[in-house]
C-alpha atoms as a PDB file:
ATOM      1  CA  MET A   1     168.268 116.762 231.413  1.00  0.00           C
ATOM      2  CA  LEU A   2     169.982 117.180 234.748  1.00  0.00           C
ATOM      3  CA  THR A   3     172.212 119.891 233.137  1.00  0.00           C
ATOM      4  CA  GLN A   4     169.111 121.827 232.141  1.00  0.00           C
ATOM      5  CA  LEU A   5     167.659 121.545 235.529  1.00  0.00           C
ATOM      6  CA  HIS A   6     170.902 122.703 237.051  1.00  0.00           C
ATOM      7  CA  ASP A   7     170.885 125.854 234.831  1.00  0.00           C
ATOM      8  CA  PHE A   8     167.275 126.596 235.799  1.00  0.00           C
ATOM      9  CA  GLY A   9     167.517 129.845 237.920  1.00  0.00           C
ATOM     10  CA  VAL A  10     165.480 132.591 239.387  1.00  0.00           C
ATOM     11  CA  LEU A  11     165.140 134.493 236.153  1.00  0.00           C
ATOM     12  CA  ASP A  12     163.603 131.349 234.597  1.00  0.00           C
ATOM     13  CA  VAL A  13     161.105 131.200 237.351  1.00  0.00           C
ATOM     14  CA  VAL A  14     160.212 134.876 236.816  1.00  0.00           C
ATOM     15  CA  ASP A  15     159.983 134.232 233.005  1.00  0.00           C
ATOM     16  CA  ILE A  16     157.508 131.473 233.492  1.00  0.00           C
ATOM     17  CA  LEU A  17     155.449 133.456 235.985  1.00  0.00           C
ATOM     18  CA  ILE A  18     155.246 136.317 233.549  1.00  0.00           C
ATOM     19  CA  VAL A  19     154.055 134.072 230.736  1.00  0.00           C
ATOM     20  CA  ALA A  20     151.521 132.420 232.967  1.00  0.00           C
ATOM     21  CA  PHE A  21     150.267 135.824 234.171  1.00  0.00           C
ATOM     22  CA  VAL A  22     149.848 136.948 230.676  1.00  0.00           C
ATOM     23  CA  PHE A  23     147.928 133.942 229.713  1.00  0.00           C
ATOM     24  CA  TYR A  24     145.668 134.370 232.729  1.00  0.00           C
ATOM     25  CA  ARG A  25     144.908 137.974 231.925  1.00  0.00           C
ATOM     26  CA  VAL A  26     144.146 137.132 228.273  1.00  0.00           C
ATOM     27  CA  ILE A  27     141.674 134.349 229.502  1.00  0.00           C
ATOM     28  CA  ILE A  28     139.993 136.793 232.016  1.00  0.00           C
ATOM     29  CA  TRP A  29     139.911 139.616 229.287  1.00  0.00           C
ATOM     30  CA  ILE A  30     138.237 137.447 226.540  1.00  0.00           C
ATOM     31  CA  ARG A  31     135.888 135.734 228.963  1.00  0.00           C
ATOM     32  CA  GLY A  32     132.165 136.245 228.051  1.00  0.00           C
ATOM     33  CA  THR A  33     132.987 137.820 224.680  1.00  0.00           C
ATOM     34  CA  ARG A  34     132.665 136.587 221.114  1.00  0.00           C
ATOM     35  CA  ALA A  35     136.477 136.173 221.227  1.00  0.00           C
ATOM     36  CA  VAL A  36     136.162 132.822 223.033  1.00  0.00           C
ATOM     37  CA  GLN A  37     134.298 131.127 220.229  1.00  0.00           C
ATOM     38  CA  LEU A  38     136.671 132.600 217.631  1.00  0.00           C
ATOM     39  CA  LEU A  39     139.715 131.286 219.597  1.00  0.00           C
ATOM     40  CA  LYS A  40     138.053 127.836 219.800  1.00  0.00           C
ATOM     41  CA  GLY A  41     137.758 127.782 215.966  1.00  0.00           C
ATOM     42  CA  LEU A  42     141.333 128.838 215.768  1.00  0.00           C
ATOM     43  CA  ALA A  43     142.316 126.007 218.013  1.00  0.00           C
ATOM     44  CA  VAL A  44     140.576 123.532 215.727  1.00  0.00           C
ATOM     45  CA  LEU A  45     142.392 124.829 212.698  1.00  0.00           C
ATOM     46  CA  LEU A  46     145.804 124.627 214.489  1.00  0.00           C
ATOM     47  CA  LEU A  47     145.051 120.942 215.496  1.00  0.00           C
ATOM     48  CA  ALA A  48     143.944 120.168 211.919  1.00  0.00           C
ATOM     49  CA  TYR A  49     147.191 121.815 210.489  1.00  0.00           C
ATOM     50  CA  PHE A  50     149.311 119.756 212.889  1.00  0.00           C
ATOM     51  CA  PHE A  51     147.839 116.358 212.054  1.00  0.00           C
ATOM     52  CA  SER A  52     147.725 117.070 208.320  1.00  0.00           C
ATOM     53  CA  SER A  53     151.364 117.845 208.459  1.00  0.00           C
ATOM     54  CA  ARG A  54     151.997 114.958 210.614  1.00  0.00           C
ATOM     55  CA  PHE A  55     150.467 112.404 208.266  1.00  0.00           C
ATOM     56  CA  GLY A  56     151.611 113.990 205.205  1.00  0.00           C
ATOM     57  CA  LEU A  57     148.396 115.319 203.708  1.00  0.00           C
ATOM     58  CA  ALA A  58     150.075 117.923 201.420  1.00  0.00           C
ATOM     59  CA  ALA A  59     147.031 119.425 199.892  1.00  0.00           C
ATOM     60  CA  THR A  60     145.125 119.748 203.258  1.00  0.00           C
ATOM     61  CA  SER A  61     148.276 121.304 204.915  1.00  0.00           C
ATOM     62  CA  TRP A  62     148.675 123.742 201.981  1.00  0.00           C
ATOM     63  CA  LEU A  63     144.991 124.726 202.286  1.00  0.00           C
ATOM     64  CA  LEU A  64     145.134 125.218 206.022  1.00  0.00           C
ATOM     65  CA  ASP A  65     148.407 127.045 205.916  1.00  0.00           C
ATOM     66  CA  LYS A  66     146.769 129.635 203.420  1.00  0.00           C
ATOM     67  CA  VAL A  67     143.695 129.954 205.677  1.00  0.00           C
ATOM     68  CA  MET A  68     145.751 130.505 208.813  1.00  0.00           C
ATOM     69  CA  THR A  69     147.964 133.122 207.062  1.00  0.00           C
ATOM     70  CA  MET A  70     144.781 134.963 206.072  1.00  0.00           C
ATOM     71  CA  GLY A  71     143.588 134.440 209.644  1.00  0.00           C
ATOM     72  CA  LEU A  72     146.572 136.190 211.120  1.00  0.00           C
ATOM     73  CA  ILE A  73     145.776 139.310 209.009  1.00  0.00           C
ATOM     74  CA  ALA A  74     142.056 139.223 209.886  1.00  0.00           C
ATOM     75  CA  ILE A  75     142.543 138.774 213.688  1.00  0.00           C
ATOM     76  CA  PRO A  76     143.283 142.498 214.344  1.00  0.00           C
ATOM     77  CA  LEU A  77     140.115 143.402 212.418  1.00  0.00           C
ATOM     78  CA  ILE A  78     137.915 140.654 213.988  1.00  0.00           C
ATOM     79  CA  PHE A  79     139.117 141.361 217.490  1.00  0.00           C
ATOM     80  CA  GLN A  80     139.143 145.103 217.171  1.00  0.00           C
ATOM     81  CA  PRO A  81     136.707 145.880 220.000  1.00  0.00           C
ATOM     82  CA  GLU A  82     138.425 143.420 222.317  1.00  0.00           C
ATOM     83  CA  LEU A  83     141.992 144.673 221.453  1.00  0.00           C
ATOM     84  CA  ARG A  84     140.717 148.245 222.056  1.00  0.00           C
ATOM     85  CA  ARG A  85     139.285 147.290 225.546  1.00  0.00           C
ATOM     86  CA  GLY A  86     142.327 145.447 226.387  1.00  0.00           C
ATOM     87  CA  LEU A  87     144.706 148.307 225.546  1.00  0.00           C
ATOM     88  CA  GLU A  88     142.543 150.684 227.415  1.00  0.00           C
ATOM     89  CA  GLN A  89     142.678 148.370 230.466  1.00  0.00           C
ATOM     90  CA  LEU A  90     146.503 148.141 230.145  1.00  0.00           C
ATOM     91  CA  GLY A  91     146.650 152.022 229.995  1.00  0.00           C
ATOM     92  CA  ARG A  92     144.540 152.283 233.175  1.00  0.00           C
ATOM     93  CA  GLY A  93     146.931 150.064 235.116  1.00  0.00           C
ATOM     94  CA  ARG A  94     149.175 151.365 237.825  1.00  0.00           C
ATOM     95  CA  LEU A  95     152.179 151.356 235.563  1.00  0.00           C
ATOM     96  CA  PHE A  96     150.706 154.089 233.600  1.00  0.00           C
ATOM     97  CA  VAL A  97     148.700 155.976 236.102  1.00  0.00           C
ATOM     98  CA  GLY A  98     149.729 159.375 237.351  1.00  0.00           C
ATOM     99  CA  SER A  99     146.737 161.686 237.930  1.00  0.00           C
ATOM    100  CA  HIS A 100     143.589 160.012 237.008  1.00  0.00           C
ATOM    101  CA  ARG A 101     139.939 160.983 236.592  1.00  0.00           C
ATOM    102  CA  PHE A 102     138.632 159.650 239.759  1.00  0.00           C
ATOM    103  CA  MET A 103     136.396 162.180 241.617  1.00  0.00           C
ATOM    104  CA  ASP A 104     137.080 163.212 245.190  1.00  0.00           C
ATOM    105  CA  GLU A 105     134.827 161.653 247.891  1.00  0.00           C
ATOM    106  CA  GLY A 106     132.477 164.554 248.035  1.00  0.00           C
ATOM    107  CA  ASP A 107     131.781 164.568 244.313  1.00  0.00           C
ATOM    108  CA  VAL A 108     131.402 160.803 244.225  1.00  0.00           C
ATOM    109  CA  SER A 109     128.813 160.837 247.060  1.00  0.00           C
ATOM    110  CA  HIS A 110     126.830 163.741 245.470  1.00  0.00           C
ATOM    111  CA  THR A 111     126.750 162.324 242.027  1.00  0.00           C
ATOM    112  CA  ILE A 112     125.902 158.918 243.146  1.00  0.00           C
ATOM    113  CA  ARG A 113     123.181 160.036 245.528  1.00  0.00           C
ATOM    114  CA  GLU A 114     121.445 162.193 242.786  1.00  0.00           C
ATOM    115  CA  VAL A 115     121.689 159.363 240.113  1.00  0.00           C
ATOM    116  CA  VAL A 116     120.194 156.797 242.605  1.00  0.00           C
ATOM    117  CA  ARG A 117     117.494 159.246 243.498  1.00  0.00           C
ATOM    118  CA  ALA A 118     116.712 159.930 239.822  1.00  0.00           C
ATOM    119  CA  ALA A 119     116.653 156.170 238.944  1.00  0.00           C
ATOM    120  CA  GLN A 120     114.199 155.679 241.674  1.00  0.00           C
ATOM    121  CA  VAL A 121     111.780 158.312 240.401  1.00  0.00           C
ATOM    122  CA  LEU A 122     112.209 157.107 236.827  1.00  0.00           C
ATOM    123  CA  SER A 123     111.629 153.459 237.850  1.00  0.00           C
ATOM    124  CA  GLN A 124     108.491 154.357 239.770  1.00  0.00           C
ATOM    125  CA  ASN A 125     107.060 156.114 236.804  1.00  0.00           C
ATOM    126  CA  LYS A 126     108.378 153.612 234.198  1.00  0.00           C
ATOM    127  CA  ILE A 127     110.283 156.256 232.312  1.00  0.00           C
ATOM    128  CA  GLY A 128     113.126 154.818 230.250  1.00  0.00           C
ATOM    129  CA  ALA A 129     116.594 156.242 230.921  1.00  0.00           C
ATOM    130  CA  LEU A 130     120.266 155.658 230.185  1.00  0.00           C
ATOM    131  CA  ILE A 131     122.761 157.403 232.419  1.00  0.00           C
ATOM    132  CA  VAL A 132     126.585 156.974 231.743  1.00  0.00           C
ATOM    133  CA  LEU A 133     129.037 157.881 234.486  1.00  0.00           C
ATOM    134  CA  GLU A 134     132.490 158.381 233.124  1.00  0.00           C
ATOM    135  CA  ARG A 135     135.461 157.272 234.960  1.00  0.00           C
ATOM    136  CA  GLN A 136     138.990 157.186 233.693  1.00  0.00           C
ATOM    137  CA  THR A 137     138.345 156.379 229.971  1.00  0.00           C
ATOM    138  CA  GLY A 138     137.286 159.732 228.385  1.00  0.00           C
ATOM    139  CA  LEU A 139     133.919 159.654 226.573  1.00  0.00           C
ATOM    140  CA  LYS A 140     134.431 162.889 224.492  1.00  0.00           C
ATOM    141  CA  GLU A 141     133.580 161.068 221.245  1.00  0.00           C
ATOM    142  CA  VAL A 142     130.294 159.929 222.589  1.00  0.00           C
ATOM    143  CA  GLU A 143     129.575 163.231 224.209  1.00  0.00           C
ATOM    144  CA  GLU A 144     129.882 164.913 220.932  1.00  0.00           C
ATOM    145  CA  THR A 145     127.023 162.915 219.376  1.00  0.00           C
ATOM    146  CA  GLY A 146     124.659 164.675 221.856  1.00  0.00           C
ATOM    147  CA  ILE A 147     123.772 168.105 223.173  1.00  0.00           C
ATOM    148  CA  PRO A 148     126.249 169.793 225.537  1.00  0.00           C
ATOM    149  CA  LEU A 149     124.670 170.864 228.881  1.00  0.00           C
ATOM    150  CA  ASP A 150     127.306 171.215 231.650  1.00  0.00           C
ATOM    151  CA  ALA A 151     124.784 171.327 234.404  1.00  0.00           C
ATOM    152  CA  LEU A 152     125.278 170.320 238.030  1.00  0.00           C
ATOM    153  CA  VAL A 153     124.145 166.718 238.507  1.00  0.00           C
ATOM    154  CA  SER A 154     120.713 166.573 240.232  1.00  0.00           C
ATOM    155  CA  ALA A 155     117.904 164.141 240.322  1.00  0.00           C
ATOM    156  CA  GLU A 156     115.483 166.779 239.010  1.00  0.00           C
ATOM    157  CA  VAL A 157     117.640 167.599 235.958  1.00  0.00           C
ATOM    158  CA  LEU A 158     118.067 163.983 235.118  1.00  0.00           C
ATOM    159  CA  VAL A 159     114.442 163.077 235.486  1.00  0.00           C
ATOM    160  CA  ASN A 160     113.382 166.110 233.332  1.00  0.00           C
ATOM    161  CA  ILE A 161     115.923 165.068 230.516  1.00  0.00           C
ATOM    162  CA  PHE A 162     114.091 161.662 230.239  1.00  0.00           C
ATOM    163  CA  VAL A 163     110.482 162.808 230.430  1.00  0.00           C
ATOM    164  CA  PRO A 164     108.790 161.303 227.230  1.00  0.00           C
ATOM    165  CA  ASN A 165     108.331 163.461 224.126  1.00  0.00           C
ATOM    166  CA  THR A 166     111.138 165.925 225.215  1.00  0.00           C
ATOM    167  CA  PRO A 167     113.879 166.604 222.756  1.00  0.00           C
ATOM    168  CA  LEU A 168     116.663 164.638 224.671  1.00  0.00           C
ATOM    169  CA  HIS A 169     114.690 161.757 226.141  1.00  0.00           C
ATOM    170  CA  ASP A 170     115.769 159.104 223.717  1.00  0.00           C
ATOM    171  CA  GLY A 171     119.551 159.268 223.995  1.00  0.00           C
ATOM    172  CA  ALA A 172     121.994 158.693 226.844  1.00  0.00           C
ATOM    173  CA  VAL A 173     123.186 161.245 229.430  1.00  0.00           C
ATOM    174  CA  ILE A 174     127.007 161.555 229.992  1.00  0.00           C
ATOM    175  CA  ILE A 175     128.101 162.501 233.468  1.00  0.00           C
ATOM    176  CA  ARG A 176     131.514 163.680 234.142  1.00  0.00           C
ATOM    177  CA  GLY A 177     132.423 164.369 237.755  1.00  0.00           C
ATOM    178  CA  ASP A 178     129.491 166.211 239.291  1.00  0.00           C
ATOM    179  CA  ARG A 179     128.450 167.712 235.933  1.00  0.00           C
ATOM    180  CA  VAL A 180     125.893 166.449 233.321  1.00  0.00           C
ATOM    181  CA  ALA A 181     128.182 166.915 230.396  1.00  0.00           C
ATOM    182  CA  ALA A 182     125.734 165.930 227.593  1.00  0.00           C
ATOM    183  CA  ALA A 183     122.316 164.490 226.799  1.00  0.00           C
ATOM    184  CA  GLY A 184     120.774 162.800 223.738  1.00  0.00           C
ATOM    185  CA  CYS A 185     123.953 160.994 223.096  1.00  0.00           C
ATOM    186  CA  PHE A 186     124.314 157.921 220.852  1.00  0.00           C
ATOM    187  CA  LEU A 187     126.123 154.793 222.331  1.00  0.00           C
ATOM    188  CA  PRO A 188     127.515 151.791 220.455  1.00  0.00           C
ATOM    189  CA  LEU A 189     125.570 148.587 220.839  1.00  0.00           C
ATOM    190  CA  THR A 190     127.098 145.453 222.239  1.00  0.00           C
ATOM    191  CA  GLU A 191     128.398 142.936 219.588  1.00  0.00           C
ATOM    192  CA  ASN A 192     128.107 140.038 221.941  1.00  0.00           C
ATOM    193  CA  ASN A 193     125.099 137.667 222.287  1.00  0.00           C
ATOM    194  CA  VAL A 194     122.834 138.854 225.087  1.00  0.00           C
ATOM    195  CA  SER A 195     119.507 137.850 226.378  1.00  0.00           C
ATOM    196  CA  GLN A 196     116.520 138.626 224.058  1.00  0.00           C
ATOM    197  CA  GLU A 197     115.031 140.280 227.148  1.00  0.00           C
ATOM    198  CA  LEU A 198     117.432 143.131 226.928  1.00  0.00           C
ATOM    199  CA  GLY A 199     116.313 146.049 224.944  1.00  0.00           C
ATOM    200  CA  THR A 200     118.156 148.751 222.894  1.00  0.00           C
ATOM    201  CA  ARG A 201     119.093 150.756 226.146  1.00  0.00           C
ATOM    202  CA  HIS A 202     120.448 147.629 227.753  1.00  0.00           C
ATOM    203  CA  ARG A 203     122.535 146.735 224.731  1.00  0.00           C
ATOM    204  CA  ALA A 204     123.788 150.312 224.446  1.00  0.00           C
ATOM    205  CA  ALA A 205     124.764 150.313 228.156  1.00  0.00           C
ATOM    206  CA  LEU A 206     126.779 147.037 227.558  1.00  0.00           C
ATOM    207  CA  GLY A 207     128.346 148.399 224.379  1.00  0.00           C
ATOM    208  CA  ILE A 208     129.679 151.481 226.049  1.00  0.00           C
ATOM    209  CA  SER A 209     130.811 149.422 229.189  1.00  0.00           C
ATOM    210  CA  GLU A 210     132.818 147.087 226.846  1.00  0.00           C
ATOM    211  CA  GLN A 211     134.657 150.014 225.214  1.00  0.00           C
ATOM    212  CA  SER A 212     135.389 151.922 228.449  1.00  0.00           C
ATOM    213  CA  ASP A 213     135.465 151.734 232.247  1.00  0.00           C
ATOM    214  CA  CYS A 214     132.295 153.605 232.710  1.00  0.00           C
ATOM    215  CA  ALA A 215     129.215 152.659 234.724  1.00  0.00           C
ATOM    216  CA  ALA A 216     125.982 152.779 232.800  1.00  0.00           C
ATOM    217  CA  VAL A 217     122.591 153.026 234.694  1.00  0.00           C
ATOM    218  CA  VAL A 218     119.552 151.783 232.759  1.00  0.00           C
ATOM    219  CA  VAL A 219     115.865 152.136 233.563  1.00  0.00           C
ATOM    220  CA  SER A 220     113.415 150.041 231.586  1.00  0.00           C
ATOM    221  CA  GLU A 221     110.347 151.841 230.245  1.00  0.00           C
ATOM    222  CA  GLU A 222     108.392 148.553 230.030  1.00  0.00           C
ATOM    223  CA  THR A 223     108.989 147.275 233.491  1.00  0.00           C
ATOM    224  CA  GLY A 224     110.689 150.184 235.464  1.00  0.00           C
ATOM    225  CA  SER A 225     113.491 147.726 236.253  1.00  0.00           C
ATOM    226  CA  ILE A 226     116.879 149.284 237.212  1.00  0.00           C
ATOM    227  CA  SER A 227     120.069 147.758 235.720  1.00  0.00           C
ATOM    228  CA  LEU A 228     123.807 148.612 235.940  1.00  0.00           C
ATOM    229  CA  ALA A 229     126.420 147.807 233.163  1.00  0.00           C
ATOM    230  CA  HIS A 230     130.065 147.811 233.919  1.00  0.00           C
ATOM    231  CA  GLU A 231     133.165 146.246 232.079  1.00  0.00           C
ATOM    232  CA  GLY A 232     130.874 144.359 229.684  1.00  0.00           C
ATOM    233  CA  LEU A 233     128.680 142.835 232.366  1.00  0.00           C
ATOM    234  CA  ILE A 234     125.284 143.715 233.625  1.00  0.00           C
ATOM    235  CA  LYS A 235     123.401 143.440 236.889  1.00  0.00           C
ATOM    236  CA  ARG A 236     119.534 143.776 236.655  1.00  0.00           C
ATOM    237  CA  HIS A 237     116.629 144.145 238.942  1.00  0.00           C
ATOM    238  CA  LEU A 238     118.337 146.478 241.376  1.00  0.00           C
ATOM    239  CA  ASP A 239     116.655 148.508 243.962  1.00  0.00           C
ATOM    240  CA  GLU A 240     118.069 151.880 245.107  1.00  0.00           C
ATOM    241  CA  THR A 241     120.219 150.311 247.890  1.00  0.00           C
ATOM    242  CA  ASN A 242     121.835 147.809 245.604  1.00  0.00           C
ATOM    243  CA  LEU A 243     122.419 150.586 242.906  1.00  0.00           C
ATOM    244  CA  ASN A 244     123.962 152.803 245.409  1.00  0.00           C
ATOM    245  CA  GLU A 245     126.269 150.194 246.852  1.00  0.00           C
ATOM    246  CA  LEU A 246     127.425 148.966 243.383  1.00  0.00           C
ATOM    247  CA  LEU A 247     128.198 152.554 242.243  1.00  0.00           C
ATOM    248  CA  LEU A 248     130.203 153.288 245.380  1.00  0.00           C
ATOM    249  CA  SER A 249     132.141 150.074 244.916  1.00  0.00           C
ATOM    250  CA  ILE A 250     133.011 151.014 241.307  1.00  0.00           C
ATOM    251  CA  PHE A 251     133.932 154.522 241.830  1.00  0.00           C
ATOM    252  CA  LYS A 252     135.900 153.942 245.134  1.00  0.00           C
ATOM    253  CA  GLN A 253     138.014 150.947 243.893  1.00  0.00           C
ATOM    254  CA  GLU A 254     141.699 151.253 242.783  1.00  0.00           C
ATOM    255  CA  PRO A 255     142.131 151.500 239.006  1.00  0.00           C
ATOM    256  CA  THR A 256     144.133 148.208 238.951  1.00  0.00           C
ATOM    257  CA  ILE A 257     141.392 145.998 240.532  1.00  0.00           C
ATOM    258  CA  PRO A 258     140.116 143.664 237.695  1.00  0.00           C
ATOM    259  CA  PHE A 259     136.637 142.987 236.716  1.00  0.00           C
ATOM    260  CA  LEU A 260     136.605 139.697 238.363  1.00  0.00           C
ATOM    261  CA  ARG A 261     134.535 141.056 241.129  1.00  0.00           C
ATOM    262  CA  TRP A 262     131.808 141.547 238.395  1.00  0.00           C
ATOM    263  CA  GLY A 263     131.940 137.969 237.290  1.00  0.00           C
ATOM    264  CA  SER A 264     128.764 137.301 239.425  1.00  0.00           C
ATOM    265  CA  LEU A 265     126.848 140.063 238.056  1.00  0.00           C
ATOM    266  CA  HIS A 266     125.162 138.236 235.156  1.00  0.00           C
ATOM    267  CA  GLY A 267     121.357 138.075 235.001  1.00  0.00           C
END
């Protein structure tokens, strides 16, 4: 024992810190997703396998061994959305970042100002809307499900898109930089359990925010309430001041800042 402690050096400390950091990031990454419940089930199976092996329950051990073998094959399929999001977050880290998609300060201010203005008008008139602001993760696949526009972002353009009974009012708008890239786009719905109060637009906003680093602004056509989804979390019942501040904080943050700051944005 003393010999092992004597051989314990700086590299061992670094090794432990790396492992601890990886576990920490995995916990943060899966928090609030269906992966938590699935991992709890996996932990129960591991405990059952350990005790069945320990007490010599041959048939039970054999069965659990087969189940766990199949589980290892199924994990990439079950966790596909979470794995995709995690790899995208890894790719957005400082280690891999050269030039990135962040807008310059002038474009940020203009786009956010016009989106907030549009959300205010849409909210006052109870017109449903879903506006997705692209950041570093490209949304080309989503954009291709809609109609390309390539128009300068303005409150007037956004409001007109979502006027009821117009051709593009049902889908989402994709904003890239200071341009409205496309409208009438279809978004993936969240696969996580969410409040029954949330409608299709809110679920779509959460879905796209789980698969990318975008910010998605939602206006409810029933209540006129404004919400903002980002990194799989949603903040509801915003006014124009709150929305403006949150969007500025998202678009001006460094790419490596984790979504811990969004941990308080449930509700």
